[in-house]
Full PDB file with SEQRES, HELIX, SHEET, SSBOND, CRYST1, ORIGX, SCALE, CONECT and MASTER records, all heavy atoms in Angstrom:
SEQRES   1 A   39  PHE VAL GLU TYR PRO SER GLN VAL ASN GLU HIS TRP LEU          
SEQRES   2 A   39  LEU THR ARG ASP VAL LEU ASP LYS TYR ALA ARG HIS TYR          
SEQRES   3 A   39  GLN THR GLY ALA ALA MET PRO GLN ALA LEU LEU ASP LYS          
HELIX    1 AA1 TYR A    4  ASN A    9  1                                   6    
HELIX    2 AA2 GLU A   10  TRP A   12  5                                   3    
HELIX    3 AA3 ARG A   16  TYR A   22  1                                   7    
HELIX    4 AA4 GLN A   34  ASP A   38  1                                   5    
CRYST1    1.000    1.000    1.000  90.00  90.00  90.00 P 1           1          
ORIGX1      1.000000  0.000000  0.000000        0.00000                         
ORIGX2      0.000000  1.000000  0.000000        0.00000                         
ORIGX3      0.000000  0.000000  1.000000        0.00000                         
SCALE1      1.000000  0.000000  0.000000        0.00000                         
SCALE2      0.000000  1.000000  0.000000        0.00000                         
SCALE3      0.000000  0.000000  1.000000        0.00000                         
ATOM      1  N   PHE A   1       0.820  -1.194  -0.003  1.00  0.00           N  
ATOM      2  CA  PHE A   1      -0.013   0.010  -0.031  1.00  0.00           C  
ATOM      3  C   PHE A   1       0.899   1.255  -0.005  1.00  0.00           C  
ATOM      4  O   PHE A   1       0.444   2.348  -0.437  1.00  0.00           O  
ATOM      5  CB  PHE A   1      -0.907   0.012   1.220  1.00  0.00           C  
ATOM      6  CG  PHE A   1      -1.938   1.117   1.286  1.00  0.00           C  
ATOM      7  CD1 PHE A   1      -3.208   0.979   0.762  1.00  0.00           C  
ATOM      8  CD2 PHE A   1      -1.571   2.354   1.839  1.00  0.00           C  
ATOM      9  CE1 PHE A   1      -4.138   2.002   0.792  1.00  0.00           C  
ATOM     10  CE2 PHE A   1      -2.548   3.390   1.890  1.00  0.00           C  
ATOM     11  CZ  PHE A   1      -3.798   3.212   1.373  1.00  0.00           C  
ATOM     12  N   VAL A   2       2.073   1.137   0.461  1.00  0.00           N  
ATOM     13  CA  VAL A   2       2.949   2.315   0.705  1.00  0.00           C  
ATOM     14  C   VAL A   2       3.133   3.145  -0.517  1.00  0.00           C  
ATOM     15  O   VAL A   2       3.082   4.368  -0.460  1.00  0.00           O  
ATOM     16  CB  VAL A   2       4.365   1.818   1.217  1.00  0.00           C  
ATOM     17  CG1 VAL A   2       5.347   2.938   1.154  1.00  0.00           C  
ATOM     18  CG2 VAL A   2       4.227   1.324   2.683  1.00  0.00           C  
ATOM     19  N   GLU A   3       3.280   2.544  -1.699  1.00  0.00           N  
ATOM     20  CA  GLU A   3       3.582   3.356  -2.922  1.00  0.00           C  
ATOM     21  C   GLU A   3       2.309   3.867  -3.575  1.00  0.00           C  
ATOM     22  O   GLU A   3       2.384   4.615  -4.525  1.00  0.00           O  
ATOM     23  CB  GLU A   3       4.333   2.447  -3.933  1.00  0.00           C  
ATOM     24  CG  GLU A   3       5.728   1.989  -3.448  1.00  0.00           C  
ATOM     25  CD  GLU A   3       6.678   3.182  -3.162  1.00  0.00           C  
ATOM     26  OE1 GLU A   3       6.469   4.259  -3.751  1.00  0.00           O  
ATOM     27  OE2 GLU A   3       7.595   2.969  -2.378  1.00  0.00           O  
ATOM     28  N   TYR A   4       1.173   3.418  -3.070  1.00  0.00           N  
ATOM     29  CA  TYR A   4      -0.113   3.795  -3.703  1.00  0.00           C  
ATOM     30  C   TYR A   4      -0.404   5.328  -3.675  1.00  0.00           C  
ATOM     31  O   TYR A   4      -0.572   5.898  -4.722  1.00  0.00           O  
ATOM     32  CB  TYR A   4      -1.224   3.026  -3.033  1.00  0.00           C  
ATOM     33  CG  TYR A   4      -2.649   3.518  -3.210  1.00  0.00           C  
ATOM     34  CD1 TYR A   4      -3.150   3.754  -4.487  1.00  0.00           C  
ATOM     35  CD2 TYR A   4      -3.463   3.676  -2.078  1.00  0.00           C  
ATOM     36  CE1 TYR A   4      -4.458   4.161  -4.636  1.00  0.00           C  
ATOM     37  CE2 TYR A   4      -4.793   4.064  -2.267  1.00  0.00           C  
ATOM     38  CZ  TYR A   4      -5.273   4.365  -3.513  1.00  0.00           C  
ATOM     39  OH  TYR A   4      -6.573   4.779  -3.651  1.00  0.00           O  
ATOM     40  N   PRO A   5      -0.305   5.993  -2.524  1.00  0.00           N  
ATOM     41  CA  PRO A   5      -0.579   7.455  -2.530  1.00  0.00           C  
ATOM     42  C   PRO A   5       0.400   8.197  -3.343  1.00  0.00           C  
ATOM     43  O   PRO A   5       0.046   9.241  -4.026  1.00  0.00           O  
ATOM     44  CB  PRO A   5      -0.468   7.810  -1.051  1.00  0.00           C  
ATOM     45  CG  PRO A   5      -0.694   6.556  -0.270  1.00  0.00           C  
ATOM     46  CD  PRO A   5      -0.099   5.446  -1.115  1.00  0.00           C  
ATOM     47  N   SER A   6       1.680   7.772  -3.399  1.00  0.00           N  
ATOM     48  CA  SER A   6       2.655   8.476  -4.178  1.00  0.00           C  
ATOM     49  C   SER A   6       2.455   8.339  -5.624  1.00  0.00           C  
ATOM     50  O   SER A   6       2.617   9.281  -6.410  1.00  0.00           O  
ATOM     51  CB  SER A   6       4.070   8.028  -3.782  1.00  0.00           C  
ATOM     52  OG  SER A   6       4.182   6.618  -3.873  1.00  0.00           O  
ATOM     53  N   GLN A   7       1.998   7.150  -6.040  1.00  0.00           N  
ATOM     54  CA  GLN A   7       1.778   6.922  -7.468  1.00  0.00           C  
ATOM     55  C   GLN A   7       0.538   7.653  -7.929  1.00  0.00           C  
ATOM     56  O   GLN A   7       0.485   8.182  -9.050  1.00  0.00           O  
ATOM     57  CB  GLN A   7       1.718   5.418  -7.762  1.00  0.00           C  
ATOM     58  CG  GLN A   7       3.045   4.762  -7.607  1.00  0.00           C  
ATOM     59  CD  GLN A   7       3.069   3.230  -7.827  1.00  0.00           C  
ATOM     60  OE1 GLN A   7       4.034   2.598  -7.554  1.00  0.00           O  
ATOM     61  NE2 GLN A   7       2.010   2.704  -8.429  1.00  0.00           N  
ATOM     62  N   VAL A   8      -0.464   7.767  -7.079  1.00  0.00           N  
ATOM     63  CA  VAL A   8      -1.663   8.549  -7.438  1.00  0.00           C  
ATOM     64  C   VAL A   8      -1.249  10.009  -7.697  1.00  0.00           C  
ATOM     65  O   VAL A   8      -1.735  10.613  -8.687  1.00  0.00           O  
ATOM     66  CB  VAL A   8      -2.723   8.459  -6.297  1.00  0.00           C  
ATOM     67  CG1 VAL A   8      -3.836   9.459  -6.552  1.00  0.00           C  
ATOM     68  CG2 VAL A   8      -3.275   7.052  -6.196  1.00  0.00           C  
ATOM     69  N   ASN A   9      -0.336  10.517  -6.862  1.00  0.00           N  
ATOM     70  CA  ASN A   9      -0.034  11.961  -6.951  1.00  0.00           C  
ATOM     71  C   ASN A   9       0.653  12.340  -8.225  1.00  0.00           C  
ATOM     72  O   ASN A   9       0.604  13.466  -8.703  1.00  0.00           O  
ATOM     73  CB  ASN A   9       0.848  12.387  -5.769  1.00  0.00           C  
ATOM     74  CG  ASN A   9       0.774  13.881  -5.554  1.00  0.00           C  
ATOM     75  OD1 ASN A   9      -0.240  14.488  -5.346  1.00  0.00           O  
ATOM     76  ND2 ASN A   9       1.985  14.500  -5.548  1.00  0.00           N  
ATOM     77  N   GLU A  10       1.253  11.386  -8.914  1.00  0.00           N  
ATOM     78  CA  GLU A  10       1.933  11.657 -10.193  1.00  0.00           C  
ATOM     79  C   GLU A  10       0.993  12.252 -11.211  1.00  0.00           C  
ATOM     80  O   GLU A  10       1.378  12.994 -12.139  1.00  0.00           O  
ATOM     81  CB  GLU A  10       2.604  10.418 -10.751  1.00  0.00           C  
ATOM     82  CG  GLU A  10       3.777   9.865  -9.926  1.00  0.00           C  
ATOM     83  CD  GLU A  10       4.349   8.594 -10.537  1.00  0.00           C  
ATOM     84  OE1 GLU A  10       4.336   8.507 -11.737  1.00  0.00           O  
ATOM     85  OE2 GLU A  10       4.788   7.705  -9.763  1.00  0.00           O  
ATOM     86  N   HIS A  11      -0.283  11.867 -11.157  1.00  0.00           N  
ATOM     87  CA  HIS A  11      -1.268  12.226 -12.165  1.00  0.00           C  
ATOM     88  C   HIS A  11      -1.439  13.726 -12.322  1.00  0.00           C  
ATOM     89  O   HIS A  11      -1.841  14.211 -13.413  1.00  0.00           O  
ATOM     90  CB  HIS A  11      -2.601  11.589 -11.900  1.00  0.00           C  
ATOM     91  CG  HIS A  11      -2.594  10.073 -12.096  1.00  0.00           C  
ATOM     92  ND1 HIS A  11      -2.791   9.476 -13.312  1.00  0.00           N  
ATOM     93  CD2 HIS A  11      -2.461   9.051 -11.203  1.00  0.00           C  
ATOM     94  CE1 HIS A  11      -2.769   8.158 -13.179  1.00  0.00           C  
ATOM     95  NE2 HIS A  11      -2.581   7.881 -11.913  1.00  0.00           N  
ATOM     96  N   TRP A  12      -1.211  14.487 -11.238  1.00  0.00           N  
ATOM     97  CA  TRP A  12      -1.561  15.932 -11.342  1.00  0.00           C  
ATOM     98  C   TRP A  12      -0.456  16.728 -11.992  1.00  0.00           C  
ATOM     99  O   TRP A  12      -0.688  17.914 -12.325  1.00  0.00           O  
ATOM    100  CB  TRP A  12      -1.834  16.447  -9.915  1.00  0.00           C  
ATOM    101  CG  TRP A  12      -3.284  16.145  -9.565  1.00  0.00           C  
ATOM    102  CD1 TRP A  12      -4.335  16.957  -9.846  1.00  0.00           C  
ATOM    103  CD2 TRP A  12      -3.772  14.953  -8.968  1.00  0.00           C  
ATOM    104  NE1 TRP A  12      -5.515  16.299  -9.435  1.00  0.00           N  
ATOM    105  CE2 TRP A  12      -5.183  15.076  -8.902  1.00  0.00           C  
ATOM    106  CE3 TRP A  12      -3.188  13.780  -8.509  1.00  0.00           C  
ATOM    107  CZ2 TRP A  12      -5.992  14.145  -8.366  1.00  0.00           C  
ATOM    108  CZ3 TRP A  12      -4.009  12.756  -7.953  1.00  0.00           C  
ATOM    109  CH2 TRP A  12      -5.399  12.957  -7.912  1.00  0.00           C  
ATOM    110  N   LEU A  13       0.705  16.188 -12.292  1.00  0.00           N  
ATOM    111  CA  LEU A  13       1.782  16.945 -12.902  1.00  0.00           C  
ATOM    112  C   LEU A  13       1.337  17.483 -14.257  1.00  0.00           C  
ATOM    113  O   LEU A  13       1.601  18.657 -14.546  1.00  0.00           O  
ATOM    114  CB  LEU A  13       3.015  16.031 -13.073  1.00  0.00           C  
ATOM    115  CG  LEU A  13       4.122  16.590 -13.990  1.00  0.00           C  
ATOM    116  CD1 LEU A  13       4.714  17.898 -13.367  1.00  0.00           C  
ATOM    117  CD2 LEU A  13       5.226  15.577 -14.232  1.00  0.00           C  
ATOM    118  N   LEU A  14       0.715  16.647 -15.107  1.00  0.00           N  
ATOM    119  CA  LEU A  14       0.381  17.076 -16.439  1.00  0.00           C  
ATOM    120  C   LEU A  14      -1.057  17.612 -16.575  1.00  0.00           C  
ATOM    121  O   LEU A  14      -1.609  17.680 -17.689  1.00  0.00           O  
ATOM    122  CB  LEU A  14       0.591  15.899 -17.417  1.00  0.00           C  
ATOM    123  CG  LEU A  14       2.076  15.518 -17.575  1.00  0.00           C  
ATOM    124  CD1 LEU A  14       2.239  14.323 -18.496  1.00  0.00           C  
ATOM    125  CD2 LEU A  14       2.916  16.683 -18.053  1.00  0.00           C  
ATOM    126  N   THR A  15      -1.698  17.969 -15.477  1.00  0.00           N  
ATOM    127  CA  THR A  15      -2.988  18.657 -15.616  1.00  0.00           C  
ATOM    128  C   THR A  15      -2.728  20.055 -16.182  1.00  0.00           C  
ATOM    129  O   THR A  15      -1.721  20.658 -15.889  1.00  0.00           O  
ATOM    130  CB  THR A  15      -3.688  18.706 -14.242  1.00  0.00           C  
ATOM    131  OG1 THR A  15      -2.795  19.455 -13.315  1.00  0.00           O  
ATOM    132  CG2 THR A  15      -4.059  17.387 -13.718  1.00  0.00           C  
ATOM    133  N   ARG A  16      -3.663  20.487 -16.976  1.00  0.00           N  
ATOM    134  CA  ARG A  16      -3.471  21.774 -17.657  1.00  0.00           C  
ATOM    135  C   ARG A  16      -3.257  22.911 -16.680  1.00  0.00           C  
ATOM    136  O   ARG A  16      -2.484  23.828 -16.927  1.00  0.00           O  
ATOM    137  CB  ARG A  16      -4.666  22.022 -18.535  1.00  0.00           C  
ATOM    138  CG  ARG A  16      -4.641  23.221 -19.469  1.00  0.00           C  
ATOM    139  CD  ARG A  16      -3.667  23.006 -20.635  1.00  0.00           C  
ATOM    140  NE  ARG A  16      -2.391  23.677 -20.442  1.00  0.00           N  
ATOM    141  CZ  ARG A  16      -1.474  23.689 -21.423  1.00  0.00           C  
ATOM    142  NH1 ARG A  16      -1.667  23.076 -22.552  1.00  0.00           N  
ATOM    143  NH2 ARG A  16      -0.318  24.313 -21.157  1.00  0.00           N  
ATOM    144  N   ASP A  17      -3.921  22.885 -15.533  1.00  0.00           N  
ATOM    145  CA  ASP A  17      -3.841  23.920 -14.543  1.00  0.00           C  
ATOM    146  C   ASP A  17      -2.475  24.062 -13.978  1.00  0.00           C  
ATOM    147  O   ASP A  17      -1.894  25.158 -13.824  1.00  0.00           O  
ATOM    148  CB  ASP A  17      -4.894  23.694 -13.435  1.00  0.00           C  
ATOM    149  CG  ASP A  17      -5.243  24.959 -12.715  1.00  0.00           C  
ATOM    150  OD1 ASP A  17      -5.257  26.039 -13.384  1.00  0.00           O  
ATOM    151  OD2 ASP A  17      -5.524  24.920 -11.532  1.00  0.00           O  
ATOM    152  N   VAL A  18      -1.880  22.896 -13.610  1.00  0.00           N  
ATOM    153  CA  VAL A  18      -0.487  22.930 -13.040  1.00  0.00           C  
ATOM    154  C   VAL A  18       0.493  23.375 -14.161  1.00  0.00           C  
ATOM    155  O   VAL A  18       1.358  24.198 -13.872  1.00  0.00           O  
ATOM    156  CB  VAL A  18      -0.104  21.539 -12.534  1.00  0.00           C  
ATOM    157  CG1 VAL A  18       1.396  21.505 -12.260  1.00  0.00           C  
ATOM    158  CG2 VAL A  18      -0.905  21.223 -11.277  1.00  0.00           C  
ATOM    159  N   LEU A  19       0.307  22.896 -15.385  1.00  0.00           N  
ATOM    160  CA  LEU A  19       1.218  23.248 -16.470  1.00  0.00           C  
ATOM    161  C   LEU A  19       1.136  24.740 -16.747  1.00  0.00           C  
ATOM    162  O   LEU A  19       2.151  25.433 -16.933  1.00  0.00           O  
ATOM    163  CB  LEU A  19       0.909  22.457 -17.713  1.00  0.00           C  
ATOM    164  CG  LEU A  19       1.175  20.935 -17.655  1.00  0.00           C  
ATOM    165  CD1 LEU A  19       0.701  20.322 -18.960  1.00  0.00           C  
ATOM    166  CD2 LEU A  19       2.658  20.714 -17.448  1.00  0.00           C  
ATOM    167  N   ASP A  20      -0.085  25.308 -16.818  1.00  0.00           N  
ATOM    168  CA  ASP A  20      -0.246  26.667 -17.132  1.00  0.00           C  
ATOM    169  C   ASP A  20       0.355  27.640 -16.115  1.00  0.00           C  
ATOM    170  O   ASP A  20       0.924  28.647 -16.441  1.00  0.00           O  
ATOM    171  CB  ASP A  20      -1.732  27.038 -17.322  1.00  0.00           C  
ATOM    172  CG  ASP A  20      -2.315  26.496 -18.635  1.00  0.00           C  
ATOM    173  OD1 ASP A  20      -1.532  26.068 -19.488  1.00  0.00           O  
ATOM    174  OD2 ASP A  20      -3.566  26.442 -18.724  1.00  0.00           O  
ATOM    175  N   LYS A  21       0.270  27.213 -14.884  1.00  0.00           N  
ATOM    176  CA  LYS A  21       0.762  28.083 -13.772  1.00  0.00           C  
ATOM    177  C   LYS A  21       2.252  27.867 -13.513  1.00  0.00           C  
ATOM    178  O   LYS A  21       2.968  28.833 -13.147  1.00  0.00           O  
ATOM    179  CB  LYS A  21      -0.030  27.807 -12.487  1.00  0.00           C  
ATOM    180  CG  LYS A  21      -1.427  28.341 -12.471  1.00  0.00           C  
ATOM    181  CD  LYS A  21      -2.150  28.055 -11.201  1.00  0.00           C  
ATOM    182  CE  LYS A  21      -3.486  28.732 -11.084  1.00  0.00           C  
ATOM    183  NZ  LYS A  21      -4.458  28.244 -12.088  1.00  0.00           N  
ATOM    184  N   TYR A  22       2.773  26.634 -13.708  1.00  0.00           N  
ATOM    185  CA  TYR A  22       4.082  26.369 -13.201  1.00  0.00           C  
ATOM    186  C   TYR A  22       5.082  25.782 -14.186  1.00  0.00           C  
ATOM    187  O   TYR A  22       6.286  25.935 -14.103  1.00  0.00           O  
ATOM    188  CB  TYR A  22       4.046  25.455 -11.989  1.00  0.00           C  
ATOM    189  CG  TYR A  22       3.260  26.113 -10.870  1.00  0.00           C  
ATOM    190  CD1 TYR A  22       1.937  25.802 -10.643  1.00  0.00           C  
ATOM    191  CD2 TYR A  22       3.852  27.105 -10.081  1.00  0.00           C  
ATOM    192  CE1 TYR A  22       1.190  26.475  -9.610  1.00  0.00           C  
ATOM    193  CE2 TYR A  22       3.169  27.752  -9.108  1.00  0.00           C  
ATOM    194  CZ  TYR A  22       1.839  27.435  -8.830  1.00  0.00           C  
ATOM    195  OH  TYR A  22       1.138  28.062  -7.893  1.00  0.00           O  
ATOM    196  N   ALA A  23       4.577  25.037 -15.229  1.00  0.00           N  
ATOM    197  CA  ALA A  23       5.493  24.478 -16.217  1.00  0.00           C  
ATOM    198  C   ALA A  23       5.662  25.489 -17.384  1.00  0.00           C  
ATOM    199  O   ALA A  23       5.281  25.221 -18.486  1.00  0.00           O  
ATOM    200  CB  ALA A  23       4.973  23.147 -16.775  1.00  0.00           C  
ATOM    201  N   ARG A  24       6.284  26.586 -17.049  1.00  0.00           N  
ATOM    202  CA  ARG A  24       6.476  27.693 -18.013  1.00  0.00           C  
ATOM    203  C   ARG A  24       7.928  27.686 -18.453  1.00  0.00           C  
ATOM    204  O   ARG A  24       8.823  27.378 -17.694  1.00  0.00           O  
ATOM    205  CB  ARG A  24       6.043  29.035 -17.390  1.00  0.00           C  
ATOM    206  CG  ARG A  24       4.593  28.996 -16.875  1.00  0.00           C  
ATOM    207  CD  ARG A  24       4.140  30.347 -16.359  1.00  0.00           C  
ATOM    208  NE  ARG A  24       3.832  31.238 -17.462  1.00  0.00           N  
ATOM    209  CZ  ARG A  24       2.613  31.326 -18.037  1.00  0.00           C  
ATOM    210  NH1 ARG A  24       1.632  30.580 -17.599  1.00  0.00           N  
ATOM    211  NH2 ARG A  24       2.406  32.135 -18.969  1.00  0.00           N  
ATOM    212  N   HIS A  25       8.142  28.073 -19.694  1.00  0.00           N  
ATOM    213  CA  HIS A  25       9.454  28.064 -20.297  1.00  0.00           C  
ATOM    214  C   HIS A  25      10.347  28.991 -19.444  1.00  0.00           C  
ATOM    215  O   HIS A  25      10.058  30.100 -19.167  1.00  0.00           O  
ATOM    216  CB  HIS A  25       9.383  28.585 -21.726  1.00  0.00           C  
ATOM    217  CG  HIS A  25      10.593  28.276 -22.517  1.00  0.00           C  
ATOM    218  ND1 HIS A  25      11.804  28.942 -22.338  1.00  0.00           N  
ATOM    219  CD2 HIS A  25      10.841  27.347 -23.520  1.00  0.00           C  
ATOM    220  CE1 HIS A  25      12.709  28.447 -23.200  1.00  0.00           C  
ATOM    221  NE2 HIS A  25      12.129  27.488 -23.922  1.00  0.00           N  
ATOM    222  N   TYR A  26      11.552  28.422 -19.071  1.00  0.00           N  
ATOM    223  CA  TYR A  26      12.413  29.168 -18.129  1.00  0.00           C  
ATOM    224  C   TYR A  26      12.963  30.425 -18.709  1.00  0.00           C  
ATOM    225  O   TYR A  26      13.402  31.323 -18.007  1.00  0.00           O  
ATOM    226  CB  TYR A  26      13.512  28.274 -17.646  1.00  0.00           C  
ATOM    227  CG  TYR A  26      14.686  28.072 -18.593  1.00  0.00           C  
ATOM    228  CD1 TYR A  26      15.895  28.769 -18.412  1.00  0.00           C  
ATOM    229  CD2 TYR A  26      14.635  27.220 -19.679  1.00  0.00           C  
ATOM    230  CE1 TYR A  26      16.957  28.616 -19.283  1.00  0.00           C  
ATOM    231  CE2 TYR A  26      15.696  27.039 -20.558  1.00  0.00           C  
ATOM    232  CZ  TYR A  26      16.846  27.754 -20.351  1.00  0.00           C  
ATOM    233  OH  TYR A  26      17.904  27.613 -21.216  1.00  0.00           O  
ATOM    234  N   GLN A  27      12.988  30.550 -20.052  1.00  0.00           N  
ATOM    235  CA  GLN A  27      13.520  31.760 -20.667  1.00  0.00           C  
ATOM    236  C   GLN A  27      12.418  32.753 -21.092  1.00  0.00           C  
ATOM    237  O   GLN A  27      12.510  33.969 -20.835  1.00  0.00           O  
ATOM    238  CB  GLN A  27      14.348  31.393 -21.965  1.00  0.00           C  
ATOM    239  CG  GLN A  27      15.644  30.665 -21.599  1.00  0.00           C  
ATOM    240  CD  GLN A  27      16.354  30.192 -22.859  1.00  0.00           C  
ATOM    241  OE1 GLN A  27      15.748  29.647 -23.786  1.00  0.00           O  
ATOM    242  NE2 GLN A  27      17.679  30.416 -22.902  1.00  0.00           N  
ATOM    243  N   THR A  28      11.371  32.217 -21.731  1.00  0.00           N  
ATOM    244  CA  THR A  28      10.334  33.121 -22.230  1.00  0.00           C  
ATOM    245  C   THR A  28       9.148  33.305 -21.268  1.00  0.00           C  
ATOM    246  O   THR A  28       8.375  34.265 -21.410  1.00  0.00           O  
ATOM    247  CB  THR A  28       9.735  32.552 -23.520  1.00  0.00           C  
ATOM    248  OG1 THR A  28       9.046  31.344 -23.252  1.00  0.00           O  
ATOM    249  CG2 THR A  28      10.834  32.283 -24.538  1.00  0.00           C  
ATOM    250  N   GLY A  29       8.994  32.414 -20.339  1.00  0.00           N  
ATOM    251  CA  GLY A  29       7.845  32.447 -19.399  1.00  0.00           C  
ATOM    252  C   GLY A  29       6.586  31.975 -19.997  1.00  0.00           C  
ATOM    253  O   GLY A  29       5.506  32.029 -19.360  1.00  0.00           O  
ATOM    254  N   ALA A  30       6.666  31.486 -21.264  1.00  0.00           N  
ATOM    255  CA  ALA A  30       5.425  30.995 -21.936  1.00  0.00           C  
ATOM    256  C   ALA A  30       5.009  29.664 -21.368  1.00  0.00           C  
ATOM    257  O   ALA A  30       5.779  28.820 -20.990  1.00  0.00           O  
ATOM    258  CB  ALA A  30       5.686  30.871 -23.403  1.00  0.00           C  
ATOM    259  N   ALA A  31       3.663  29.497 -21.327  1.00  0.00           N  
ATOM    260  CA  ALA A  31       3.139  28.203 -20.886  1.00  0.00           C  
ATOM    261  C   ALA A  31       3.368  27.148 -21.925  1.00  0.00           C  
ATOM    262  O   ALA A  31       3.544  27.502 -23.102  1.00  0.00           O  
ATOM    263  CB  ALA A  31       1.600  28.323 -20.600  1.00  0.00           C  
ATOM    264  N   MET A  32       3.411  25.882 -21.480  1.00  0.00           N  
ATOM    265  CA  MET A  32       3.607  24.827 -22.477  1.00  0.00           C  
ATOM    266  C   MET A  32       2.476  24.816 -23.485  1.00  0.00           C  
ATOM    267  O   MET A  32       1.311  24.770 -23.104  1.00  0.00           O  
ATOM    268  CB  MET A  32       3.653  23.463 -21.746  1.00  0.00           C  
ATOM    269  CG  MET A  32       3.884  22.276 -22.675  1.00  0.00           C  
ATOM    270  SD  MET A  32       3.863  20.695 -21.831  1.00  0.00           S  
ATOM    271  CE  MET A  32       5.451  20.778 -20.974  1.00  0.00           C  
ATOM    272  N   PRO A  33       2.799  24.869 -24.770  1.00  0.00           N  
ATOM    273  CA  PRO A  33       1.735  24.862 -25.780  1.00  0.00           C  
ATOM    274  C   PRO A  33       0.907  23.624 -25.728  1.00  0.00           C  
ATOM    275  O   PRO A  33       1.396  22.532 -25.405  1.00  0.00           O  
ATOM    276  CB  PRO A  33       2.491  24.944 -27.133  1.00  0.00           C  
ATOM    277  CG  PRO A  33       3.875  25.405 -26.757  1.00  0.00           C  
ATOM    278  CD  PRO A  33       4.137  24.934 -25.359  1.00  0.00           C  
ATOM    279  N   GLN A  34      -0.390  23.759 -26.044  1.00  0.00           N  
ATOM    280  CA  GLN A  34      -1.291  22.601 -26.003  1.00  0.00           C  
ATOM    281  C   GLN A  34      -0.792  21.527 -26.999  1.00  0.00           C  
ATOM    282  O   GLN A  34      -0.941  20.328 -26.728  1.00  0.00           O  
ATOM    283  CB  GLN A  34      -2.686  23.023 -26.358  1.00  0.00           C  
ATOM    284  CG  GLN A  34      -3.738  21.884 -26.273  1.00  0.00           C  
ATOM    285  CD  GLN A  34      -3.827  21.286 -24.868  1.00  0.00           C  
ATOM    286  OE1 GLN A  34      -3.828  22.046 -23.910  1.00  0.00           O  
ATOM    287  NE2 GLN A  34      -3.931  19.960 -24.746  1.00  0.00           N  
ATOM    288  N   ALA A  35      -0.241  21.993 -28.095  1.00  0.00           N  
ATOM    289  CA  ALA A  35       0.265  21.048 -29.092  1.00  0.00           C  
ATOM    290  C   ALA A  35       1.338  20.162 -28.512  1.00  0.00           C  
ATOM    291  O   ALA A  35       1.385  18.923 -28.858  1.00  0.00           O  
ATOM    292  CB  ALA A  35       0.748  21.747 -30.344  1.00  0.00           C  
ATOM    293  N   LEU A  36       2.217  20.731 -27.645  1.00  0.00           N  
ATOM    294  CA  LEU A  36       3.280  19.885 -27.055  1.00  0.00           C  
ATOM    295  C   LEU A  36       2.679  18.964 -26.021  1.00  0.00           C  
ATOM    296  O   LEU A  36       3.085  17.820 -25.932  1.00  0.00           O  
ATOM    297  CB  LEU A  36       4.312  20.838 -26.425  1.00  0.00           C  
ATOM    298  CG  LEU A  36       5.538  20.165 -25.835  1.00  0.00           C  
ATOM    299  CD1 LEU A  36       6.251  19.291 -26.872  1.00  0.00           C  
ATOM    300  CD2 LEU A  36       6.524  21.257 -25.318  1.00  0.00           C  
ATOM    301  N   LEU A  37       1.707  19.459 -25.227  1.00  0.00           N  
ATOM    302  CA  LEU A  37       1.039  18.571 -24.272  1.00  0.00           C  
ATOM    303  C   LEU A  37       0.311  17.471 -24.992  1.00  0.00           C  
ATOM    304  O   LEU A  37       0.345  16.283 -24.508  1.00  0.00           O  
ATOM    305  CB  LEU A  37       0.058  19.398 -23.387  1.00  0.00           C  
ATOM    306  CG  LEU A  37      -0.721  18.566 -22.378  1.00  0.00           C  
ATOM    307  CD1 LEU A  37       0.234  17.864 -21.387  1.00  0.00           C  
ATOM    308  CD2 LEU A  37      -1.686  19.467 -21.630  1.00  0.00           C  
ATOM    309  N   ASP A  38      -0.309  17.754 -26.128  1.00  0.00           N  
ATOM    310  CA  ASP A  38      -1.002  16.717 -26.884  1.00  0.00           C  
ATOM    311  C   ASP A  38       0.009  15.622 -27.312  1.00  0.00           C  
ATOM    312  O   ASP A  38      -0.361  14.419 -27.283  1.00  0.00           O  
ATOM    313  CB  ASP A  38      -1.667  17.309 -28.093  1.00  0.00           C  
ATOM    314  CG  ASP A  38      -2.892  18.210 -27.772  1.00  0.00           C  
ATOM    315  OD1 ASP A  38      -3.375  18.067 -26.654  1.00  0.00           O  
ATOM    316  OD2 ASP A  38      -3.271  18.972 -28.643  1.00  0.00           O  
ATOM    317  N   LYS A  39       1.189  16.058 -27.673  1.00  0.00           N  
ATOM    318  CA  LYS A  39       2.232  15.048 -28.017  1.00  0.00           C  
ATOM    319  C   LYS A  39       2.572  14.189 -26.850  1.00  0.00           C  
ATOM    320  O   LYS A  39       2.752  12.980 -26.977  1.00  0.00           O  
ATOM    321  CB  LYS A  39       3.463  15.729 -28.588  1.00  0.00           C  
ATOM    322  CG  LYS A  39       3.261  16.476 -29.907  1.00  0.00           C  
ATOM    323  CD  LYS A  39       4.554  17.149 -30.335  1.00  0.00           C  
ATOM    324  CE  LYS A  39       4.352  17.969 -31.637  1.00  0.00           C  
ATOM    325  NZ  LYS A  39       5.586  18.634 -32.069  1.00  0.00           N  
TER     326      LYS A  39                                                      
MASTER        0    0    0    4    0    0    0    6  325    1    0    3          
END                                                                             
């Protein structure tokens, strides 16, 4: 059971909300394009 909560939490990394707010290009500040997320 130990690894279960940690593995569940991985799912939120690629939610659009987290990406838009925090996965922004370190040079331009632009959010990850939807086309790249789709890939």
